[in-house]
Amino acid sequence: MKPMTREAVTGRMPLVAAWSVDDQFRELRREFRFKNYYETMAFVNAVAWIAHAADHHPDLEVGYNRCVVRYSTHDAGGLTEKDFASVLKVEAL
C-alpha cells in the first residue's frame, strides 16, 4: 500500500475538517475533550472497538478529560485511504 500524495491528502481534508495533518502529511490528529474520566474512557473503548473491527489501530494519548487520536498507516509510511475511513468512523461517535 502506497501513502497518499500531499495533493490527495489536501483534497480529503475538508471531509475531516476538525482534524489536522502534520507538516510531512503522514499523520491525522485530533484532540477530544470530555467532562470527566468516565466519558473519556467510554470514548477510548469505542475507538478501540472501531480499531479492532477495522484492523487499523490509532495511537491514543489518554488523560482525565481528554484523548488525542492519531492515525497513520505505518506500513505505508504515511496516510492512506484506510486512515481517512477510520477517522470518519471516529467522527460518527
PDB file of N, CA and C in Angstrom:
ATOM      1  N   MET A   1       0.844  -1.169   0.000  1.00  0.00           N
ATOM      2  CA  MET A   1       0.000   0.000   0.000  1.00  0.00           C
ATOM      3  C   MET A   1       0.893   1.237   0.000  1.00  0.00           C
ATOM      4  N   LYS A   2       0.645   2.144  -0.923  1.00  0.00           N
ATOM      5  CA  LYS A   2       1.432   3.370  -1.009  1.00  0.00           C
ATOM      6  C   LYS A   2       0.760   4.496  -0.235  1.00  0.00           C
ATOM      7  N   PRO A   3       1.558   5.383   0.328  1.00  0.00           N
ATOM      8  CA  PRO A   3       0.957   6.530   1.009  1.00  0.00           C
ATOM      9  C   PRO A   3       0.331   7.495  -0.008  1.00  0.00           C
ATOM     10  N   MET A   4      -0.641   8.242   0.466  1.00  0.00           N
ATOM     11  CA  MET A   4      -1.297   9.234  -0.378  1.00  0.00           C
ATOM     12  C   MET A   4      -0.352  10.404  -0.637  1.00  0.00           C
ATOM     13  N   THR A   5      -0.524  11.055  -1.759  1.00  0.00           N
ATOM     14  CA  THR A   5       0.252  12.252  -2.067  1.00  0.00           C
ATOM     15  C   THR A   5      -0.266  13.420  -1.232  1.00  0.00           C
ATOM     16  N   ARG A   6       0.529  14.465  -1.132  1.00  0.00           N
ATOM     17  CA  ARG A   6       0.090  15.674  -0.422  1.00  0.00           C
ATOM     18  C   ARG A   6      -1.196  16.220  -1.021  1.00  0.00           C
ATOM     19  N   GLU A   7      -1.274  16.192  -2.348  1.00  0.00           N
ATOM     20  CA  GLU A   7      -2.447  16.720  -3.028  1.00  0.00           C
ATOM     21  C   GLU A   7      -3.690  15.906  -2.677  1.00  0.00           C
ATOM     22  N   ALA A   8      -3.553  14.585  -2.631  1.00  0.00           N
ATOM     23  CA  ALA A   8      -4.680  13.722  -2.288  1.00  0.00           C
ATOM     24  C   ALA A   8      -5.123  13.957  -0.846  1.00  0.00           C
ATOM     25  N   VAL A   9      -4.172  14.092   0.060  1.00  0.00           N
ATOM     26  CA  VAL A   9      -4.497  14.363   1.465  1.00  0.00           C
ATOM     27  C   VAL A   9      -5.203  15.705   1.580  1.00  0.00           C
ATOM     28  N   THR A  10      -4.646  16.724   0.952  1.00  0.00           N
ATOM     29  CA  THR A  10      -5.243  18.066   0.999  1.00  0.00           C
ATOM     30  C   THR A  10      -6.667  18.044   0.455  1.00  0.00           C
ATOM     31  N   GLY A  11      -6.888  17.275  -0.590  1.00  0.00           N
ATOM     32  CA  GLY A  11      -8.216  17.186  -1.178  1.00  0.00           C
ATOM     33  C   GLY A  11      -9.240  16.528  -0.274  1.00  0.00           C
ATOM     34  N   ARG A  12      -8.796  15.659   0.627  1.00  0.00           N
ATOM     35  CA  ARG A  12      -9.719  14.969   1.533  1.00  0.00           C
ATOM     36  C   ARG A  12      -9.899  15.676   2.876  1.00  0.00           C
ATOM     37  N   MET A  13      -9.053  16.623   3.184  1.00  0.00           N
ATOM     38  CA  MET A  13      -9.126  17.298   4.483  1.00  0.00           C
ATOM     39  C   MET A  13     -10.469  17.979   4.752  1.00  0.00           C
ATOM     40  N   PRO A  14     -11.158  18.535   3.750  1.00  0.00           N
ATOM     41  CA  PRO A  14     -12.479  19.104   4.059  1.00  0.00           C
ATOM     42  C   PRO A  14     -13.470  18.078   4.625  1.00  0.00           C
ATOM     43  N   LEU A  15     -13.273  16.811   4.326  1.00  0.00           N
ATOM     44  CA  LEU A  15     -14.149  15.767   4.863  1.00  0.00           C
ATOM     45  C   LEU A  15     -13.925  15.534   6.346  1.00  0.00           C
ATOM     46  N   VAL A  16     -12.741  15.912   6.826  1.00  0.00           N
ATOM     47  CA  VAL A  16     -12.374  15.702   8.237  1.00  0.00           C
ATOM     48  C   VAL A  16     -11.826  17.014   8.806  1.00  0.00           C
ATOM     49  N   ALA A  17     -12.604  18.072   8.648  1.00  0.00           N
ATOM     50  CA  ALA A  17     -12.147  19.430   8.944  1.00  0.00           C
ATOM     51  C   ALA A  17     -11.694  19.638  10.389  1.00  0.00           C
ATOM     52  N   ALA A  18     -12.222  18.863  11.327  1.00  0.00           N
ATOM     53  CA  ALA A  18     -11.834  19.018  12.732  1.00  0.00           C
ATOM     54  C   ALA A  18     -10.460  18.418  13.033  1.00  0.00           C
ATOM     55  N   TRP A  19      -9.915  17.683  12.095  1.00  0.00           N
ATOM     56  CA  TRP A  19      -8.624  17.032  12.269  1.00  0.00           C
ATOM     57  C   TRP A  19      -7.534  17.876  11.637  1.00  0.00           C
ATOM     58  N   SER A  20      -6.308  17.668  12.090  1.00  0.00           N
ATOM     59  CA  SER A  20      -5.166  18.358  11.487  1.00  0.00           C
ATOM     60  C   SER A  20      -4.214  17.312  10.922  1.00  0.00           C
ATOM     61  N   VAL A  21      -3.435  17.751   9.956  1.00  0.00           N
ATOM     62  CA  VAL A  21      -2.432  16.879   9.361  1.00  0.00           C
ATOM     63  C   VAL A  21      -1.067  17.459   9.698  1.00  0.00           C
ATOM     64  N   ASP A  22      -0.095  16.598   9.965  1.00  0.00           N
ATOM     65  CA  ASP A  22       1.235  17.083  10.326  1.00  0.00           C
ATOM     66  C   ASP A  22       1.943  17.685   9.104  1.00  0.00           C
ATOM     67  N   ASP A  23       3.055  18.346   9.333  1.00  0.00           N
ATOM     68  CA  ASP A  23       3.792  19.045   8.282  1.00  0.00           C
ATOM     69  C   ASP A  23       4.286  18.126   7.172  1.00  0.00           C
ATOM     70  N   GLN A  24       4.496  16.866   7.477  1.00  0.00           N
ATOM     71  CA  GLN A  24       5.002  15.924   6.478  1.00  0.00           C
ATOM     72  C   GLN A  24       3.886  15.097   5.832  1.00  0.00           C
ATOM     73  N   PHE A  25       2.641  15.408   6.166  1.00  0.00           N
ATOM     74  CA  PHE A  25       1.480  14.721   5.594  1.00  0.00           C
ATOM     75  C   PHE A  25       1.515  13.218   5.850  1.00  0.00           C
ATOM     76  N   ARG A  26       1.901  12.852   7.075  1.00  0.00           N
ATOM     77  CA  ARG A  26       1.999  11.438   7.453  1.00  0.00           C
ATOM     78  C   ARG A  26       1.043  11.036   8.564  1.00  0.00           C
ATOM     79  N   GLU A  27       0.345  12.023   9.168  1.00  0.00           N
ATOM     80  CA  GLU A  27      -0.471  11.701  10.328  1.00  0.00           C
ATOM     81  C   GLU A  27      -1.657  12.647  10.440  1.00  0.00           C
ATOM     82  N   LEU A  28      -2.827  12.084  10.758  1.00  0.00           N
ATOM     83  CA  LEU A  28      -4.010  12.866  11.096  1.00  0.00           C
ATOM     84  C   LEU A  28      -4.142  12.864  12.606  1.00  0.00           C
ATOM     85  N   ARG A  29      -4.519  14.017  13.179  1.00  0.00           N
ATOM     86  CA  ARG A  29      -4.555  14.157  14.634  1.00  0.00           C
ATOM     87  C   ARG A  29      -5.754  14.976  15.056  1.00  0.00           C
ATOM     88  N   ARG A  30      -6.367  14.587  16.165  1.00  0.00           N
ATOM     89  CA  ARG A  30      -7.424  15.389  16.766  1.00  0.00           C
ATOM     90  C   ARG A  30      -7.450  15.148  18.263  1.00  0.00           C
ATOM     91  N   GLU A  31      -7.668  16.218  19.011  1.00  0.00           N
ATOM     92  CA  GLU A  31      -7.837  16.114  20.461  1.00  0.00           C
ATOM     93  C   GLU A  31      -9.320  16.236  20.783  1.00  0.00           C
ATOM     94  N   PHE A  32      -9.821  15.288  21.559  1.00  0.00           N
ATOM     95  CA  PHE A  32     -11.202  15.291  22.014  1.00  0.00           C
ATOM     96  C   PHE A  32     -11.214  15.630  23.498  1.00  0.00           C
ATOM     97  N   ARG A  33     -12.178  16.451  23.914  1.00  0.00           N
ATOM     98  CA  ARG A  33     -12.328  16.846  25.323  1.00  0.00           C
ATOM     99  C   ARG A  33     -13.643  16.317  25.871  1.00  0.00           C
ATOM    100  N   PHE A  34     -13.623  15.944  27.160  1.00  0.00           N
ATOM    101  CA  PHE A  34     -14.794  15.366  27.804  1.00  0.00           C
ATOM    102  C   PHE A  34     -15.000  16.002  29.178  1.00  0.00           C
ATOM    103  N   LYS A  35     -16.170  15.734  29.765  1.00  0.00           N
ATOM    104  CA  LYS A  35     -16.488  16.300  31.076  1.00  0.00           C
ATOM    105  C   LYS A  35     -15.753  15.607  32.210  1.00  0.00           C
ATOM    106  N   ASN A  36     -15.468  14.314  32.028  1.00  0.00           N
ATOM    107  CA  ASN A  36     -14.897  13.553  33.134  1.00  0.00           C
ATOM    108  C   ASN A  36     -14.173  12.308  32.617  1.00  0.00           C
ATOM    109  N   TYR A  37     -13.599  11.577  33.533  1.00  0.00           N
ATOM    110  CA  TYR A  37     -12.827  10.382  33.196  1.00  0.00           C
ATOM    111  C   TYR A  37     -13.706   9.298  32.585  1.00  0.00           C
ATOM    112  N   TYR A  38     -14.910   9.126  33.143  1.00  0.00           N
ATOM    113  CA  TYR A  38     -15.804   8.089  32.638  1.00  0.00           C
ATOM    114  C   TYR A  38     -16.120   8.312  31.158  1.00  0.00           C
ATOM    115  N   GLU A  39     -16.460   9.532  30.777  1.00  0.00           N
ATOM    116  CA  GLU A  39     -16.772   9.822  29.375  1.00  0.00           C
ATOM    117  C   GLU A  39     -15.540   9.628  28.483  1.00  0.00           C
ATOM    118  N   THR A  40     -14.387  10.014  29.000  1.00  0.00           N
ATOM    119  CA  THR A  40     -13.148   9.813  28.243  1.00  0.00           C
ATOM    120  C   THR A  40     -12.929   8.329  27.976  1.00  0.00           C
ATOM    121  N   MET A  41     -13.059   7.512  28.991  1.00  0.00           N
ATOM    122  CA  MET A  41     -12.815   6.079  28.834  1.00  0.00           C
ATOM    123  C   MET A  41     -13.876   5.415  27.962  1.00  0.00           C
ATOM    124  N   ALA A  42     -15.108   5.880  28.008  1.00  0.00           N
ATOM    125  CA  ALA A  42     -16.144   5.344  27.126  1.00  0.00           C
ATOM    126  C   ALA A  42     -15.769   5.615  25.672  1.00  0.00           C
ATOM    127  N   PHE A  43     -15.270   6.813  25.407  1.00  0.00           N
ATOM    128  CA  PHE A  43     -14.825   7.164  24.060  1.00  0.00           C
ATOM    129  C   PHE A  43     -13.645   6.291  23.639  1.00  0.00           C
ATOM    130  N   VAL A  44     -12.667   6.150  24.519  1.00  0.00           N
ATOM    131  CA  VAL A  44     -11.481   5.336  24.209  1.00  0.00           C
ATOM    132  C   VAL A  44     -11.903   3.899  23.886  1.00  0.00           C
ATOM    133  N   ASN A  45     -12.805   3.345  24.649  1.00  0.00           N
ATOM    134  CA  ASN A  45     -13.263   1.979  24.392  1.00  0.00           C
ATOM    135  C   ASN A  45     -13.998   1.878  23.062  1.00  0.00           C
ATOM    136  N   ALA A  46     -14.770   2.895  22.709  1.00  0.00           N
ATOM    137  CA  ALA A  46     -15.458   2.896  21.414  1.00  0.00           C
ATOM    138  C   ALA A  46     -14.452   2.973  20.271  1.00  0.00           C
ATOM    139  N   VAL A  47     -13.435   3.801  20.418  1.00  0.00           N
ATOM    140  CA  VAL A  47     -12.389   3.898  19.395  1.00  0.00           C
ATOM    141  C   VAL A  47     -11.647   2.563  19.287  1.00  0.00           C
ATOM    142  N   ALA A  48     -11.386   1.923  20.402  1.00  0.00           N
ATOM    143  CA  ALA A  48     -10.709   0.616  20.387  1.00  0.00           C
ATOM    144  C   ALA A  48     -11.548  -0.418  19.645  1.00  0.00           C
ATOM    145  N   TRP A  49     -12.851  -0.380  19.829  1.00  0.00           N
ATOM    146  CA  TRP A  49     -13.733  -1.319  19.133  1.00  0.00           C
ATOM    147  C   TRP A  49     -13.689  -1.070  17.627  1.00  0.00           C
ATOM    148  N   ILE A  50     -13.759   0.194  17.225  1.00  0.00           N
ATOM    149  CA  ILE A  50     -13.667   0.556  15.805  1.00  0.00           C
ATOM    150  C   ILE A  50     -12.333   0.074  15.236  1.00  0.00           C
ATOM    151  N   ALA A  51     -11.264   0.310  15.963  1.00  0.00           N
ATOM    152  CA  ALA A  51      -9.926  -0.072  15.501  1.00  0.00           C
ATOM    153  C   ALA A  51      -9.810  -1.588  15.352  1.00  0.00           C
ATOM    154  N   HIS A  52     -10.331  -2.310  16.304  1.00  0.00           N
ATOM    155  CA  HIS A  52     -10.271  -3.770  16.236  1.00  0.00           C
ATOM    156  C   HIS A  52     -11.061  -4.285  15.033  1.00  0.00           C
ATOM    157  N   ALA A  53     -12.248  -3.748  14.831  1.00  0.00           N
ATOM    158  CA  ALA A  53     -13.094  -4.194  13.718  1.00  0.00           C
ATOM    159  C   ALA A  53     -12.450  -3.909  12.365  1.00  0.00           C
ATOM    160  N   ALA A  54     -11.732  -2.787  12.268  1.00  0.00           N
ATOM    161  CA  ALA A  54     -11.091  -2.404  11.005  1.00  0.00           C
ATOM    162  C   ALA A  54      -9.675  -2.953  10.874  1.00  0.00           C
ATOM    163  N   ASP A  55      -9.147  -3.519  11.943  1.00  0.00           N
ATOM    164  CA  ASP A  55      -7.750  -3.954  12.000  1.00  0.00           C
ATOM    165  C   ASP A  55      -6.814  -2.808  11.603  1.00  0.00           C
ATOM    166  N   HIS A  56      -7.137  -1.640  12.147  1.00  0.00           N
ATOM    167  CA  HIS A  56      -6.331  -0.430  11.894  1.00  0.00           C
ATOM    168  C   HIS A  56      -6.355   0.393  13.179  1.00  0.00           C
ATOM    169  N   HIS A  57      -5.217   0.493  13.834  1.00  0.00           N
ATOM    170  CA  HIS A  57      -5.166   0.988  15.207  1.00  0.00           C
ATOM    171  C   HIS A  57      -4.480   2.342  15.313  1.00  0.00           C
ATOM    172  N   PRO A  58      -5.170   3.327  15.889  1.00  0.00           N
ATOM    173  CA  PRO A  58      -4.555   4.634  16.064  1.00  0.00           C
ATOM    174  C   PRO A  58      -3.666   4.658  17.304  1.00  0.00           C
ATOM    175  N   ASP A  59      -2.845   5.681  17.380  1.00  0.00           N
ATOM    176  CA  ASP A  59      -2.134   5.974  18.614  1.00  0.00           C
ATOM    177  C   ASP A  59      -3.077   6.826  19.452  1.00  0.00           C
ATOM    178  N   LEU A  60      -3.195   6.496  20.724  1.00  0.00           N
ATOM    179  CA  LEU A  60      -4.074   7.222  21.635  1.00  0.00           C
ATOM    180  C   LEU A  60      -3.265   7.756  22.805  1.00  0.00           C
ATOM    181  N   GLU A  61      -3.507   9.007  23.156  1.00  0.00           N
ATOM    182  CA  GLU A  61      -2.955   9.606  24.373  1.00  0.00           C
ATOM    183  C   GLU A  61      -4.152   9.946  25.241  1.00  0.00           C
ATOM    184  N   VAL A  62      -4.211   9.354  26.421  1.00  0.00           N
ATOM    185  CA  VAL A  62      -5.397   9.482  27.259  1.00  0.00           C
ATOM    186  C   VAL A  62      -5.067  10.200  28.554  1.00  0.00           C
ATOM    187  N   GLY A  63      -5.895  11.164  28.896  1.00  0.00           N
ATOM    188  CA  GLY A  63      -5.807  11.863  30.167  1.00  0.00           C
ATOM    189  C   GLY A  63      -7.170  11.854  30.836  1.00  0.00           C
ATOM    190  N   TYR A  64      -7.286  12.525  31.959  1.00  0.00           N
ATOM    191  CA  TYR A  64      -8.527  12.523  32.733  1.00  0.00           C
ATOM    192  C   TYR A  64      -9.735  12.918  31.888  1.00  0.00           C
ATOM    193  N   ASN A  65      -9.631  14.022  31.163  1.00  0.00           N
ATOM    194  CA  ASN A  65     -10.787  14.510  30.407  1.00  0.00           C
ATOM    195  C   ASN A  65     -10.455  14.801  28.940  1.00  0.00           C
ATOM    196  N   ARG A  66      -9.465  14.085  28.415  1.00  0.00           N
ATOM    197  CA  ARG A  66      -9.100  14.309  27.018  1.00  0.00           C
ATOM    198  C   ARG A  66      -8.488  13.057  26.416  1.00  0.00           C
ATOM    199  N   CYS A  67      -8.573  12.989  25.102  1.00  0.00           N
ATOM    200  CA  CYS A  67      -7.944  11.895  24.364  1.00  0.00           C
ATOM    201  C   CYS A  67      -7.466  12.457  23.031  1.00  0.00           C
ATOM    202  N   VAL A  68      -6.205  12.248  22.727  1.00  0.00           N
ATOM    203  CA  VAL A  68      -5.651  12.628  21.431  1.00  0.00           C
ATOM    204  C   VAL A  68      -5.602  11.352  20.591  1.00  0.00           C
ATOM    205  N   VAL A  69      -6.186  11.442  19.397  1.00  0.00           N
ATOM    206  CA  VAL A  69      -6.220  10.307  18.476  1.00  0.00           C
ATOM    207  C   VAL A  69      -5.347  10.658  17.281  1.00  0.00           C
ATOM    208  N   ARG A  70      -4.436   9.760  16.940  1.00  0.00           N
ATOM    209  CA  ARG A  70      -3.539   9.970  15.791  1.00  0.00           C
ATOM    210  C   ARG A  70      -3.580   8.753  14.886  1.00  0.00           C
ATOM    211  N   TYR A  71      -3.888   8.998  13.629  1.00  0.00           N
ATOM    212  CA  TYR A  71      -3.920   7.929  12.633  1.00  0.00           C
ATOM    213  C   TYR A  71      -2.812   8.099  11.617  1.00  0.00           C
ATOM    214  N   SER A  72      -2.191   6.990  11.255  1.00  0.00           N
ATOM    215  CA  SER A  72      -1.203   6.905  10.194  1.00  0.00           C
ATOM    216  C   SER A  72      -1.083   5.430   9.822  1.00  0.00           C
ATOM    217  N   THR A  73      -0.787   5.151   8.579  1.00  0.00           N
ATOM    218  CA  THR A  73      -0.558   3.764   8.182  1.00  0.00           C
ATOM    219  C   THR A  73       0.946   3.544   8.192  1.00  0.00           C
ATOM    220  N   HIS A  74       1.443   2.993   9.277  1.00  0.00           N
ATOM    221  CA  HIS A  74       2.884   2.849   9.470  1.00  0.00           C
ATOM    222  C   HIS A  74       3.526   1.992   8.385  1.00  0.00           C
ATOM    223  N   ASP A  75       2.835   0.933   7.963  1.00  0.00           N
ATOM    224  CA  ASP A  75       3.386   0.065   6.911  1.00  0.00           C
ATOM    225  C   ASP A  75       3.603   0.817   5.602  1.00  0.00           C
ATOM    226  N   ALA A  76       2.770   1.823   5.345  1.00  0.00           N
ATOM    227  CA  ALA A  76       2.882   2.595   4.098  1.00  0.00           C
ATOM    228  C   ALA A  76       3.801   3.798   4.268  1.00  0.00           C
ATOM    229  N   GLY A  77       4.116   4.141   5.499  1.00  0.00           N
ATOM    230  CA  GLY A  77       4.969   5.306   5.741  1.00  0.00           C
ATOM    231  C   GLY A  77       4.244   6.625   5.572  1.00  0.00           C
ATOM    232  N   GLY A  78       2.929   6.608   5.783  1.00  0.00           N
ATOM    233  CA  GLY A  78       2.160   7.844   5.658  1.00  0.00           C
ATOM    234  C   GLY A  78       0.675   7.573   5.717  1.00  0.00           C
ATOM    235  N   LEU A  79      -0.087   8.497   5.198  1.00  0.00           N
ATOM    236  CA  LEU A  79      -1.543   8.391   5.227  1.00  0.00           C
ATOM    237  C   LEU A  79      -2.065   7.604   4.032  1.00  0.00           C
ATOM    238  N   THR A  80      -3.110   6.826   4.294  1.00  0.00           N
ATOM    239  CA  THR A  80      -3.774   6.070   3.238  1.00  0.00           C
ATOM    240  C   THR A  80      -5.282   6.270   3.370  1.00  0.00           C
ATOM    241  N   GLU A  81      -6.007   5.729   2.426  1.00  0.00           N
ATOM    242  CA  GLU A  81      -7.470   5.797   2.482  1.00  0.00           C
ATOM    243  C   GLU A  81      -7.992   5.158   3.765  1.00  0.00           C
ATOM    244  N   LYS A  82      -7.279   4.152   4.253  1.00  0.00           N
ATOM    245  CA  LYS A  82      -7.689   3.475   5.485  1.00  0.00           C
ATOM    246  C   LYS A  82      -7.721   4.447   6.670  1.00  0.00           C
ATOM    247  N   ASP A  83      -6.781   5.392   6.701  1.00  0.00           N
ATOM    248  CA  ASP A  83      -6.767   6.382   7.784  1.00  0.00           C
ATOM    249  C   ASP A  83      -7.997   7.280   7.710  1.00  0.00           C
ATOM    250  N   PHE A  84      -8.315   7.741   6.512  1.00  0.00           N
ATOM    251  CA  PHE A  84      -9.480   8.618   6.361  1.00  0.00           C
ATOM    252  C   PHE A  84     -10.770   7.875   6.677  1.00  0.00           C
ATOM    253  N   ALA A  85     -10.878   6.612   6.272  1.00  0.00           N
ATOM    254  CA  ALA A  85     -12.060   5.821   6.592  1.00  0.00           C
ATOM    255  C   ALA A  85     -12.200   5.650   8.110  1.00  0.00           C
ATOM    256  N   SER A  86     -11.101   5.421   8.786  1.00  0.00           N
ATOM    257  CA  SER A  86     -11.125   5.263  10.245  1.00  0.00           C
ATOM    258  C   SER A  86     -11.501   6.566  10.936  1.00  0.00           C
ATOM    259  N   VAL A  87     -10.957   7.669  10.466  1.00  0.00           N
ATOM    260  CA  VAL A  87     -11.279   8.985  11.045  1.00  0.00           C
ATOM    261  C   VAL A  87     -12.774   9.258  10.919  1.00  0.00           C
ATOM    262  N   LEU A  88     -13.354   8.931   9.782  1.00  0.00           N
ATOM    263  CA  LEU A  88     -14.793   9.164   9.594  1.00  0.00           C
ATOM    264  C   LEU A  88     -15.624   8.318  10.559  1.00  0.00           C
ATOM    265  N   LYS A  89     -15.169   7.110  10.859  1.00  0.00           N
ATOM    266  CA  LYS A  89     -15.866   6.267  11.837  1.00  0.00           C
ATOM    267  C   LYS A  89     -15.765   6.867  13.228  1.00  0.00           C
ATOM    268  N   VAL A  90     -14.604   7.391  13.586  1.00  0.00           N
ATOM    269  CA  VAL A  90     -14.445   8.032  14.895  1.00  0.00           C
ATOM    270  C   VAL A  90     -15.317   9.281  14.963  1.00  0.00           C
ATOM    271  N   GLU A  91     -15.383  10.038  13.892  1.00  0.00           N
ATOM    272  CA  GLU A  91     -16.236  11.234  13.861  1.00  0.00           C
ATOM    273  C   GLU A  91     -17.699  10.881  14.075  1.00  0.00           C
ATOM    274  N   ALA A  92     -18.122   9.704  13.633  1.00  0.00           N
ATOM    275  CA  ALA A  92     -19.517   9.285  13.789  1.00  0.00           C
ATOM    276  C   ALA A  92     -19.884   9.030  15.245  1.00  0.00           C
ATOM    277  N   LEU A  93     -18.879   8.875  16.104  1.00  0.00           N
ATOM    278  CA  LEU A  93     -19.173   8.663  17.529  1.00  0.00           C
ATOM    279  C   LEU A  93     -19.834   9.893  18.109  1.00  0.00           C
TER     280      LEU A  93
END
